[in-house]
Amino acid sequence: MKILVPTDFSELSEKALDVANRFAKLMDGTITPFHSHIPISEMDEPYALGMSSQMYQDFDQIEDALSDRLSQLAEEKVDKKRLEKPIIMMGNPAQSIIDVSEEYDYIVMSTHGRTGFTRFLLGSVAEKVLRLAHTPVLIVEDESDVDDFKKILVTTDFSENAASAYPYAKIVAEKAGADLDLVHVISFDQLDDEEEGSISLSNLREKRIKVLEKEHFHSLKGKVNSTVIVSQDSPHEAIFNHVKENNYNLIVMATVGRTGINYLMMGSTTANLVRHVNTAVLSVNPKRDKQ
């Protein structure tokens, strides 16, 4: 199990290393710290302002310095027996992470770091990686309490895309001995005006989620609870409210569900949820599963 951990040396990215270490212990995996350096940036402010005494930066020297710094940081957070040699790249951070991650099983990263991106800014590195990486991405916040991954939430809309996340949730739950909640949301706009039709749809979905539970999570005997939530809110708002009422260590979901919404429109439930919850979110891109 190979885990890639991008970092920009901020405190938030240190949190990602800490969570990755816990995850690697659980999954018996290795951790590769990663940093992508933009040559002209606020890291090199004098040069960016035309004040540098050197016309060109010594990339080899920068790479060595960053590698040493990254190794030192990682050794403080990660068991040495699980730590691989750091990777340093030059260029766009999001694209560099996506390119390198093809050789890894998971990416673990924070939502924002030293550049001051907030969760609500659509241009953040984390959100670009979520949109475009085929490798599952574990997103963590500073407040994320993964503990030993003992309580897991899995969301479903019964689509083939949603099913891509089930194997990942199941293996984490099996290794952690976790309790797993399987949740489906029915929004009011999906219901008929007549009360009888609404009750019928709710009953139908409850039967369906029980079948899904047996089909995909039968190995977690006595550890699975499936629930259908009827809400006047949007799916991501209903899930957010449910998460607030329950202390989950991990949320597992696919990036795109039954609607087939293009993730670049940032309209998906996953994108909206990641922006707002403090709980760690494992996002699975269905494209990887199909490949």
C-alpha atoms as a PDB file:
ATOM      1  CA  MET A   1       0.000   0.000   0.000  1.00  0.00           C
ATOM      2  CA  LYS A   2       1.702   3.194  -1.228  1.00  0.00           C
ATOM      3  CA  ILE A   3       0.575   6.542   0.182  1.00  0.00           C
ATOM      4  CA  LEU A   4       1.569   9.910  -1.281  1.00  0.00           C
ATOM      5  CA  VAL A   5       1.504  12.901   1.098  1.00  0.00           C
ATOM      6  CA  PRO A   6       1.849  16.338  -0.524  1.00  0.00           C
ATOM      7  CA  THR A   7       3.061  19.050   1.829  1.00  0.00           C
ATOM      8  CA  ASP A   8       3.917  22.739   1.618  1.00  0.00           C
ATOM      9  CA  PHE A   9       5.541  22.800   5.096  1.00  0.00           C
ATOM     10  CA  SER A  10       2.516  24.493   6.678  1.00  0.00           C
ATOM     11  CA  GLU A  11       1.034  23.290   9.974  1.00  0.00           C
ATOM     12  CA  LEU A  12      -1.980  21.956   8.091  1.00  0.00           C
ATOM     13  CA  SER A  13       0.172  19.838   5.819  1.00  0.00           C
ATOM     14  CA  GLU A  14       1.917  18.501   8.930  1.00  0.00           C
ATOM     15  CA  LYS A  15      -1.526  17.290  10.024  1.00  0.00           C
ATOM     16  CA  ALA A  16      -1.725  15.334   6.765  1.00  0.00           C
ATOM     17  CA  LEU A  17       1.541  13.565   7.601  1.00  0.00           C
ATOM     18  CA  ASP A  18       0.228  12.658  11.049  1.00  0.00           C
ATOM     19  CA  VAL A  19      -3.025  11.226   9.617  1.00  0.00           C
ATOM     20  CA  ALA A  20      -1.109   9.427   6.879  1.00  0.00           C
ATOM     21  CA  ASN A  21       1.056   7.766   9.525  1.00  0.00           C
ATOM     22  CA  ARG A  22      -2.062   6.455  11.306  1.00  0.00           C
ATOM     23  CA  PHE A  23      -3.531   5.329   7.997  1.00  0.00           C
ATOM     24  CA  ALA A  24      -0.294   3.591   6.971  1.00  0.00           C
ATOM     25  CA  LYS A  25      -0.222   1.648  10.249  1.00  0.00           C
ATOM     26  CA  LEU A  26      -3.796   0.525   9.651  1.00  0.00           C
ATOM     27  CA  MET A  27      -3.225  -0.444   6.014  1.00  0.00           C
ATOM     28  CA  ASP A  28       0.366  -1.694   6.479  1.00  0.00           C
ATOM     29  CA  GLY A  29       1.568   0.848   3.963  1.00  0.00           C
ATOM     30  CA  THR A  30       4.483   3.141   3.162  1.00  0.00           C
ATOM     31  CA  ILE A  31       4.495   6.942   3.001  1.00  0.00           C
ATOM     32  CA  THR A  32       6.192   9.109   0.396  1.00  0.00           C
ATOM     33  CA  PRO A  33       6.353  12.828   1.297  1.00  0.00           C
ATOM     34  CA  PHE A  34       5.961  15.103  -1.717  1.00  0.00           C
ATOM     35  CA  HIS A  35       6.543  18.785  -2.440  1.00  0.00           C
ATOM     36  CA  SER A  36       6.129  20.755  -5.647  1.00  0.00           C
ATOM     37  CA  HIS A  37       8.110  23.979  -5.875  1.00  0.00           C
ATOM     38  CA  ILE A  38       7.010  26.902  -8.036  1.00  0.00           C
ATOM     39  CA  PRO A  39      10.274  28.641  -9.000  1.00  0.00           C
ATOM     40  CA  ILE A  40       8.844  32.160  -8.949  1.00  0.00           C
ATOM     41  CA  SER A  41       6.505  32.452  -5.992  1.00  0.00           C
ATOM     42  CA  GLU A  42       6.229  34.005  -2.593  1.00  0.00           C
ATOM     43  CA  MET A  43       8.873  31.482  -1.477  1.00  0.00           C
ATOM     44  CA  ASP A  44      11.318  33.390  -3.693  1.00  0.00           C
ATOM     45  CA  GLU A  45       9.908  36.859  -3.162  1.00  0.00           C
ATOM     46  CA  PRO A  46      13.102  38.869  -3.813  1.00  0.00           C
ATOM     47  CA  TYR A  47      13.565  37.134  -7.159  1.00  0.00           C
ATOM     48  CA  ALA A  48       9.874  37.564  -8.036  1.00  0.00           C
ATOM     49  CA  LEU A  49      10.205  41.310  -7.429  1.00  0.00           C
ATOM     50  CA  GLY A  50      13.345  41.562  -9.537  1.00  0.00           C
ATOM     51  CA  MET A  51      15.530  42.137  -6.494  1.00  0.00           C
ATOM     52  CA  SER A  52      17.560  38.932  -6.592  1.00  0.00           C
ATOM     53  CA  SER A  53      21.289  39.128  -7.147  1.00  0.00           C
ATOM     54  CA  GLN A  54      21.009  35.937  -9.216  1.00  0.00           C
ATOM     55  CA  MET A  55      19.294  36.004 -12.559  1.00  0.00           C
ATOM     56  CA  TYR A  56      18.635  32.268 -12.466  1.00  0.00           C
ATOM     57  CA  GLN A  57      17.884  30.011  -9.550  1.00  0.00           C
ATOM     58  CA  ASP A  58      20.025  26.957  -8.913  1.00  0.00           C
ATOM     59  CA  PHE A  59      17.315  24.292  -9.189  1.00  0.00           C
ATOM     60  CA  ASP A  60      19.586  21.459  -8.046  1.00  0.00           C
ATOM     61  CA  GLN A  61      20.500  23.390  -4.922  1.00  0.00           C
ATOM     62  CA  ILE A  62      16.834  24.221  -4.228  1.00  0.00           C
ATOM     63  CA  GLU A  63      15.837  20.585  -4.739  1.00  0.00           C
ATOM     64  CA  ASP A  64      18.482  19.334  -2.299  1.00  0.00           C
ATOM     65  CA  ALA A  65      17.482  21.904   0.327  1.00  0.00           C
ATOM     66  CA  LEU A  66      13.774  21.119  -0.007  1.00  0.00           C
ATOM     67  CA  SER A  67      14.430  17.376   0.108  1.00  0.00           C
ATOM     68  CA  ASP A  68      16.431  17.730   3.326  1.00  0.00           C
ATOM     69  CA  ARG A  69      13.743  19.903   4.876  1.00  0.00           C
ATOM     70  CA  LEU A  70      10.978  17.516   3.828  1.00  0.00           C
ATOM     71  CA  SER A  71      12.861  14.510   5.192  1.00  0.00           C
ATOM     72  CA  GLN A  72      13.350  16.240   8.535  1.00  0.00           C
ATOM     73  CA  LEU A  73       9.666  17.170   8.771  1.00  0.00           C
ATOM     74  CA  ALA A  74       8.466  13.698   7.778  1.00  0.00           C
ATOM     75  CA  GLU A  75      10.747  11.957  10.272  1.00  0.00           C
ATOM     76  CA  GLU A  76       9.082  13.948  13.055  1.00  0.00           C
ATOM     77  CA  LYS A  77       5.615  12.696  12.064  1.00  0.00           C
ATOM     78  CA  VAL A  78       6.066   9.279  10.432  1.00  0.00           C
ATOM     79  CA  ASP A  79       7.492   5.965  11.645  1.00  0.00           C
ATOM     80  CA  LYS A  80      10.867   5.596   9.952  1.00  0.00           C
ATOM     81  CA  LYS A  81      10.147   2.019   8.912  1.00  0.00           C
ATOM     82  CA  ARG A  82       7.226   3.285   6.816  1.00  0.00           C
ATOM     83  CA  LEU A  83       8.962   6.321   5.351  1.00  0.00           C
ATOM     84  CA  GLU A  84      10.126   6.412   1.743  1.00  0.00           C
ATOM     85  CA  LYS A  85      12.477   8.931   0.115  1.00  0.00           C
ATOM     86  CA  PRO A  86      10.787  12.323  -0.467  1.00  0.00           C
ATOM     87  CA  ILE A  87       9.895  13.457  -3.971  1.00  0.00           C
ATOM     88  CA  ILE A  88      10.576  17.052  -5.024  1.00  0.00           C
ATOM     89  CA  MET A  89       9.196  18.418  -8.290  1.00  0.00           C
ATOM     90  CA  MET A  90       9.179  21.804  -9.975  1.00  0.00           C
ATOM     91  CA  GLY A  91       5.964  23.214 -11.374  1.00  0.00           C
ATOM     92  CA  ASN A  92       2.246  23.503 -10.749  1.00  0.00           C
ATOM     93  CA  PRO A  93       1.498  21.767  -7.416  1.00  0.00           C
ATOM     94  CA  ALA A  94      -1.914  20.322  -8.320  1.00  0.00           C
ATOM     95  CA  GLN A  95      -0.806  18.926 -11.674  1.00  0.00           C
ATOM     96  CA  SER A  96       2.418  17.556 -10.179  1.00  0.00           C
ATOM     97  CA  ILE A  97       0.461  15.724  -7.465  1.00  0.00           C
ATOM     98  CA  ILE A  98      -1.955  14.288 -10.032  1.00  0.00           C
ATOM     99  CA  ASP A  99       0.872  13.084 -12.308  1.00  0.00           C
ATOM    100  CA  VAL A 100       2.891  11.425  -9.532  1.00  0.00           C
ATOM    101  CA  SER A 101      -0.166   9.910  -7.819  1.00  0.00           C
ATOM    102  CA  GLU A 102      -0.791   7.499 -10.704  1.00  0.00           C
ATOM    103  CA  GLU A 103       1.832   5.244  -9.105  1.00  0.00           C
ATOM    104  CA  TYR A 104       0.198   5.346  -5.653  1.00  0.00           C
ATOM    105  CA  ASP A 105      -2.812   3.793  -3.919  1.00  0.00           C
ATOM    106  CA  TYR A 106      -3.838   6.835  -1.867  1.00  0.00           C
ATOM    107  CA  ILE A 107      -3.183  10.559  -1.564  1.00  0.00           C
ATOM    108  CA  VAL A 108      -3.418  12.116   1.914  1.00  0.00           C
ATOM    109  CA  MET A 109      -3.474  15.921   1.996  1.00  0.00           C
ATOM    110  CA  SER A 110      -4.927  18.949   3.774  1.00  0.00           C
ATOM    111  CA  THR A 111      -7.447  21.277   2.181  1.00  0.00           C
ATOM    112  CA  HIS A 112      -5.258  24.352   2.269  1.00  0.00           C
ATOM    113  CA  GLY A 113      -1.855  25.464   3.426  1.00  0.00           C
ATOM    114  CA  ARG A 114       0.726  28.224   3.294  1.00  0.00           C
ATOM    115  CA  THR A 115      -0.780  30.051   0.310  1.00  0.00           C
ATOM    116  CA  GLY A 116      -3.809  30.983   2.384  1.00  0.00           C
ATOM    117  CA  PHE A 117      -6.385  29.165   0.258  1.00  0.00           C
ATOM    118  CA  THR A 118      -9.639  28.642   2.107  1.00  0.00           C
ATOM    119  CA  ARG A 119     -12.016  25.741   1.652  1.00  0.00           C
ATOM    120  CA  PHE A 120     -14.401  28.097  -0.113  1.00  0.00           C
ATOM    121  CA  LEU A 121     -11.968  29.142  -2.829  1.00  0.00           C
ATOM    122  CA  LEU A 122     -12.502  26.879  -5.823  1.00  0.00           C
ATOM    123  CA  GLY A 123      -8.965  27.279  -7.071  1.00  0.00           C
ATOM    124  CA  SER A 124      -7.237  25.507  -4.177  1.00  0.00           C
ATOM    125  CA  VAL A 125      -4.746  22.749  -4.851  1.00  0.00           C
ATOM    126  CA  ALA A 126      -6.790  20.214  -2.878  1.00  0.00           C
ATOM    127  CA  GLU A 127      -9.954  20.805  -4.875  1.00  0.00           C
ATOM    128  CA  LYS A 128      -8.107  20.495  -8.185  1.00  0.00           C
ATOM    129  CA  VAL A 129      -6.625  17.198  -7.033  1.00  0.00           C
ATOM    130  CA  LEU A 130     -10.088  16.032  -5.926  1.00  0.00           C
ATOM    131  CA  ARG A 131     -11.514  16.858  -9.340  1.00  0.00           C
ATOM    132  CA  LEU A 132      -8.840  15.340 -11.501  1.00  0.00           C
ATOM    133  CA  ALA A 133      -6.845  12.648  -9.688  1.00  0.00           C
ATOM    134  CA  HIS A 134      -7.821   9.036 -10.327  1.00  0.00           C
ATOM    135  CA  THR A 135      -6.156   8.007  -7.071  1.00  0.00           C
ATOM    136  CA  PRO A 136      -8.397   8.061  -3.948  1.00  0.00           C
ATOM    137  CA  VAL A 137      -7.804  11.253  -1.956  1.00  0.00           C
ATOM    138  CA  LEU A 138      -8.023  11.437   1.830  1.00  0.00           C
ATOM    139  CA  ILE A 139      -8.668  15.086   2.726  1.00  0.00           C
ATOM    140  CA  VAL A 140      -8.025  16.210   6.307  1.00  0.00           C
ATOM    141  CA  GLU A 141      -8.665  19.375   8.276  1.00  0.00           C
ATOM    142  CA  ASP A 142      -6.746  20.627  11.277  1.00  0.00           C
ATOM    143  CA  GLU A 143      -9.761  19.662  13.405  1.00  0.00           C
ATOM    144  CA  SER A 144     -10.126  16.203  11.839  1.00  0.00           C
ATOM    145  CA  ASP A 145     -10.098  13.495  14.510  1.00  0.00           C
ATOM    146  CA  VAL A 146      -9.413  10.207  12.734  1.00  0.00           C
ATOM    147  CA  ASP A 147      -8.468   8.457  15.990  1.00  0.00           C
ATOM    148  CA  ASP A 148      -8.246   4.772  14.951  1.00  0.00           C
ATOM    149  CA  PHE A 149     -10.879   5.088  12.191  1.00  0.00           C
ATOM    150  CA  LYS A 150     -13.452   3.416  14.439  1.00  0.00           C
ATOM    151  CA  LYS A 151     -16.570   5.167  13.075  1.00  0.00           C
ATOM    152  CA  ILE A 152     -17.099   5.498   9.333  1.00  0.00           C
ATOM    153  CA  LEU A 153     -19.834   7.090   7.229  1.00  0.00           C
ATOM    154  CA  VAL A 154     -20.463   5.893   3.668  1.00  0.00           C
ATOM    155  CA  THR A 155     -22.873   7.795   1.424  1.00  0.00           C
ATOM    156  CA  THR A 156     -24.790   6.288  -1.481  1.00  0.00           C
ATOM    157  CA  ASP A 157     -27.228   7.300  -4.188  1.00  0.00           C
ATOM    158  CA  PHE A 158     -27.369   3.670  -5.475  1.00  0.00           C
ATOM    159  CA  SER A 159     -25.458   4.569  -8.636  1.00  0.00           C
ATOM    160  CA  GLU A 160     -22.609   2.603 -10.183  1.00  0.00           C
ATOM    161  CA  ASN A 161     -20.313   5.540  -9.467  1.00  0.00           C
ATOM    162  CA  ALA A 162     -21.230   5.546  -5.775  1.00  0.00           C
ATOM    163  CA  ALA A 163     -20.450   1.826  -5.625  1.00  0.00           C
ATOM    164  CA  SER A 164     -16.817   2.608  -6.486  1.00  0.00           C
ATOM    165  CA  ALA A 165     -16.317   3.829  -2.917  1.00  0.00           C
ATOM    166  CA  TYR A 166     -17.705   0.725  -1.161  1.00  0.00           C
ATOM    167  CA  PRO A 167     -14.587  -1.512  -1.398  1.00  0.00           C
ATOM    168  CA  TYR A 168     -12.417   1.257   0.069  1.00  0.00           C
ATOM    169  CA  ALA A 169     -14.821   1.816   2.957  1.00  0.00           C
ATOM    170  CA  LYS A 170     -15.084  -1.900   3.608  1.00  0.00           C
ATOM    171  CA  ILE A 171     -11.353  -2.577   3.780  1.00  0.00           C
ATOM    172  CA  VAL A 172     -10.767   0.349   6.189  1.00  0.00           C
ATOM    173  CA  ALA A 173     -13.683  -0.819   8.357  1.00  0.00           C
ATOM    174  CA  GLU A 174     -12.409  -4.418   8.367  1.00  0.00           C
ATOM    175  CA  LYS A 175      -8.878  -3.443   9.364  1.00  0.00           C
ATOM    176  CA  ALA A 176     -10.035  -0.925  11.986  1.00  0.00           C
ATOM    177  CA  GLY A 177     -12.869  -3.060  13.381  1.00  0.00           C
ATOM    178  CA  ALA A 178     -15.026   0.009  12.789  1.00  0.00           C
ATOM    179  CA  ASP A 179     -18.728   0.679  12.956  1.00  0.00           C
ATOM    180  CA  LEU A 180     -19.986   1.714   9.517  1.00  0.00           C
ATOM    181  CA  ASP A 181     -23.069   3.822   8.778  1.00  0.00           C
ATOM    182  CA  LEU A 182     -24.460   3.562   5.247  1.00  0.00           C
ATOM    183  CA  VAL A 183     -26.599   6.622   4.465  1.00  0.00           C
ATOM    184  CA  HIS A 184     -28.869   7.645   1.595  1.00  0.00           C
ATOM    185  CA  VAL A 185     -30.568  11.042   1.347  1.00  0.00           C
ATOM    186  CA  ILE A 186     -33.972  11.714  -0.214  1.00  0.00           C
ATOM    187  CA  SER A 187     -34.551  15.412  -0.862  1.00  0.00           C
ATOM    188  CA  PHE A 188     -38.074  16.794  -0.740  1.00  0.00           C
ATOM    189  CA  ASP A 189     -37.860  17.653  -4.435  1.00  0.00           C
ATOM    190  CA  GLN A 190     -37.628  13.901  -5.191  1.00  0.00           C
ATOM    191  CA  LEU A 191     -40.910  13.197  -3.426  1.00  0.00           C
ATOM    192  CA  ASP A 192     -44.416  13.204  -4.846  1.00  0.00           C
ATOM    193  CA  ASP A 193     -46.850  15.851  -3.722  1.00  0.00           C
ATOM    194  CA  GLU A 194     -49.117  13.144  -2.398  1.00  0.00           C
ATOM    195  CA  GLU A 195     -48.191  11.735   0.991  1.00  0.00           C
ATOM    196  CA  GLU A 196     -48.783   8.151  -0.155  1.00  0.00           C
ATOM    197  CA  GLY A 197     -46.222   8.512  -2.930  1.00  0.00           C
ATOM    198  CA  SER A 198     -43.661   9.954  -0.524  1.00  0.00           C
ATOM    199  CA  ILE A 199     -44.069   7.086   1.913  1.00  0.00           C
ATOM    200  CA  SER A 200     -43.824   4.584  -0.936  1.00  0.00           C
ATOM    201  CA  LEU A 201     -40.519   6.055  -2.211  1.00  0.00           C
ATOM    202  CA  SER A 202     -39.052   6.163   1.292  1.00  0.00           C
ATOM    203  CA  ASN A 203     -40.005   2.529   1.941  1.00  0.00           C
ATOM    204  CA  LEU A 204     -38.598   1.489  -1.424  1.00  0.00           C
ATOM    205  CA  ARG A 205     -35.249   3.177  -0.719  1.00  0.00           C
ATOM    206  CA  GLU A 206     -35.073   1.640   2.774  1.00  0.00           C
ATOM    207  CA  LYS A 207     -35.512  -1.842   1.282  1.00  0.00           C
ATOM    208  CA  ARG A 208     -32.958  -1.055  -1.376  1.00  0.00           C
ATOM    209  CA  ILE A 209     -30.312   0.137   1.087  1.00  0.00           C
ATOM    210  CA  LYS A 210     -30.758  -3.054   3.120  1.00  0.00           C
ATOM    211  CA  VAL A 211     -30.084  -5.082  -0.021  1.00  0.00           C
ATOM    212  CA  LEU A 212     -27.020  -2.951  -0.755  1.00  0.00           C
ATOM    213  CA  GLU A 213     -25.805  -3.466   2.813  1.00  0.00           C
ATOM    214  CA  LYS A 214     -26.003  -7.242   2.481  1.00  0.00           C
ATOM    215  CA  GLU A 215     -24.472  -7.248  -0.979  1.00  0.00           C
ATOM    216  CA  HIS A 216     -21.412  -5.093  -0.284  1.00  0.00           C
ATOM    217  CA  PHE A 217     -20.856  -5.106   3.479  1.00  0.00           C
ATOM    218  CA  HIS A 218     -21.926  -8.584   4.633  1.00  0.00           C
ATOM    219  CA  SER A 219     -18.404  -9.267   5.952  1.00  0.00           C
ATOM    220  CA  LEU A 220     -18.845  -6.543   8.595  1.00  0.00           C
ATOM    221  CA  LYS A 221     -21.195  -8.635  10.684  1.00  0.00           C
ATOM    222  CA  GLY A 222     -23.106  -6.581  13.218  1.00  0.00           C
ATOM    223  CA  LYS A 223     -21.025  -3.499  12.447  1.00  0.00           C
ATOM    224  CA  VAL A 224     -23.220  -1.891   9.743  1.00  0.00           C
ATOM    225  CA  ASN A 225     -26.192   0.407  10.190  1.00  0.00           C
ATOM    226  CA  SER A 226     -28.054   1.596   7.079  1.00  0.00           C
ATOM    227  CA  THR A 227     -30.249   4.703   7.137  1.00  0.00           C
ATOM    228  CA  VAL A 228     -32.441   6.663   4.705  1.00  0.00           C
ATOM    229  CA  ILE A 229     -32.693  10.364   5.557  1.00  0.00           C
ATOM    230  CA  VAL A 230     -35.640  12.358   4.206  1.00  0.00           C
ATOM    231  CA  SER A 231     -34.692  16.033   4.198  1.00  0.00           C
ATOM    232  CA  GLN A 232     -35.842  19.366   2.858  1.00  0.00           C
ATOM    233  CA  ASP A 233     -32.153  20.248   2.406  1.00  0.00           C
ATOM    234  CA  SER A 234     -29.856  19.400  -0.491  1.00  0.00           C
ATOM    235  CA  PRO A 235     -27.971  16.087  -0.189  1.00  0.00           C
ATOM    236  CA  HIS A 236     -24.709  17.715   0.938  1.00  0.00           C
ATOM    237  CA  GLU A 237     -26.545  19.857   3.518  1.00  0.00           C
ATOM    238  CA  ALA A 238     -28.425  16.835   4.859  1.00  0.00           C
ATOM    239  CA  ILE A 239     -25.192  14.838   5.121  1.00  0.00           C
ATOM    240  CA  PHE A 240     -23.437  17.809   6.750  1.00  0.00           C
ATOM    241  CA  ASN A 241     -26.178  18.037   9.396  1.00  0.00           C
ATOM    242  CA  HIS A 242     -25.994  14.286   9.952  1.00  0.00           C
ATOM    243  CA  VAL A 243     -22.209  14.488  10.391  1.00  0.00           C
ATOM    244  CA  LYS A 244     -22.583  17.307  12.935  1.00  0.00           C
ATOM    245  CA  GLU A 245     -24.802  15.055  15.058  1.00  0.00           C
ATOM    246  CA  ASN A 246     -22.440  12.073  14.883  1.00  0.00           C
ATOM    247  CA  ASN A 247     -18.737  11.916  15.673  1.00  0.00           C
ATOM    248  CA  TYR A 248     -17.396  10.197  12.583  1.00  0.00           C
ATOM    249  CA  ASN A 249     -13.689   9.600  12.081  1.00  0.00           C
ATOM    250  CA  LEU A 250     -13.994   9.186   8.322  1.00  0.00           C
ATOM    251  CA  ILE A 251     -16.473   9.852   5.493  1.00  0.00           C
ATOM    252  CA  VAL A 252     -16.105   7.732   2.347  1.00  0.00           C
ATOM    253  CA  MET A 253     -17.815   8.760  -0.889  1.00  0.00           C
ATOM    254  CA  ALA A 254     -17.403   8.835  -4.666  1.00  0.00           C
ATOM    255  CA  THR A 255     -16.566  12.123  -6.383  1.00  0.00           C
ATOM    256  CA  VAL A 256     -19.466  11.828  -8.833  1.00  0.00           C
ATOM    257  CA  GLY A 257     -22.845  10.216  -8.229  1.00  0.00           C
ATOM    258  CA  ARG A 258     -25.893   9.272 -10.235  1.00  0.00           C
ATOM    259  CA  THR A 259     -26.428  12.742 -11.701  1.00  0.00           C
ATOM    260  CA  GLY A 260     -23.218  12.553 -13.676  1.00  0.00           C
ATOM    261  CA  ILE A 261     -22.462  16.184 -12.847  1.00  0.00           C
ATOM    262  CA  ASN A 262     -19.171  17.287 -14.306  1.00  0.00           C
ATOM    263  CA  TYR A 263     -16.920  17.772 -11.289  1.00  0.00           C
ATOM    264  CA  LEU A 264     -15.376  20.816 -12.929  1.00  0.00           C
ATOM    265  CA  MET A 265     -18.667  22.600 -12.263  1.00  0.00           C
ATOM    266  CA  MET A 266     -18.013  22.040  -8.551  1.00  0.00           C
ATOM    267  CA  GLY A 267     -21.627  21.019  -8.154  1.00  0.00           C
ATOM    268  CA  SER A 268     -21.044  17.601  -6.634  1.00  0.00           C
ATOM    269  CA  THR A 269     -22.074  16.569  -3.147  1.00  0.00           C
ATOM    270  CA  THR A 270     -18.496  15.538  -2.389  1.00  0.00           C
ATOM    271  CA  ALA A 271     -17.020  18.934  -3.294  1.00  0.00           C
ATOM    272  CA  ASN A 272     -19.576  20.813  -1.235  1.00  0.00           C
ATOM    273  CA  LEU A 273     -19.144  18.487   1.727  1.00  0.00           C
ATOM    274  CA  VAL A 274     -15.349  18.721   1.727  1.00  0.00           C
ATOM    275  CA  ARG A 275     -15.602  22.506   1.877  1.00  0.00           C
ATOM    276  CA  HIS A 276     -17.685  22.469   5.036  1.00  0.00           C
ATOM    277  CA  VAL A 277     -16.951  19.478   7.283  1.00  0.00           C
ATOM    278  CA  ASN A 278     -14.024  19.046   9.652  1.00  0.00           C
ATOM    279  CA  THR A 279     -14.231  15.261   9.402  1.00  0.00           C
ATOM    280  CA  ALA A 280     -11.657  13.524   7.201  1.00  0.00           C
ATOM    281  CA  VAL A 281     -13.117  12.625   3.782  1.00  0.00           C
ATOM    282  CA  LEU A 282     -11.909   9.780   1.565  1.00  0.00           C
ATOM    283  CA  SER A 283     -12.963  10.661  -1.977  1.00  0.00           C
ATOM    284  CA  VAL A 284     -12.914   7.938  -4.636  1.00  0.00           C
ATOM    285  CA  ASN A 285     -12.915   8.805  -8.326  1.00  0.00           C
ATOM    286  CA  PRO A 286     -15.004   6.201 -10.237  1.00  0.00           C
ATOM    287  CA  LYS A 287     -12.654   6.500 -13.223  1.00  0.00           C
ATOM    288  CA  ARG A 288      -9.910   4.651 -11.305  1.00  0.00           C
ATOM    289  CA  ASP A 289     -12.269   1.815 -10.493  1.00  0.00           C
ATOM    290  CA  LYS A 290     -13.298   1.473 -14.142  1.00  0.00           C
ATOM    291  CA  GLN A 291      -9.676   1.489 -15.290  1.00  0.00           C
END
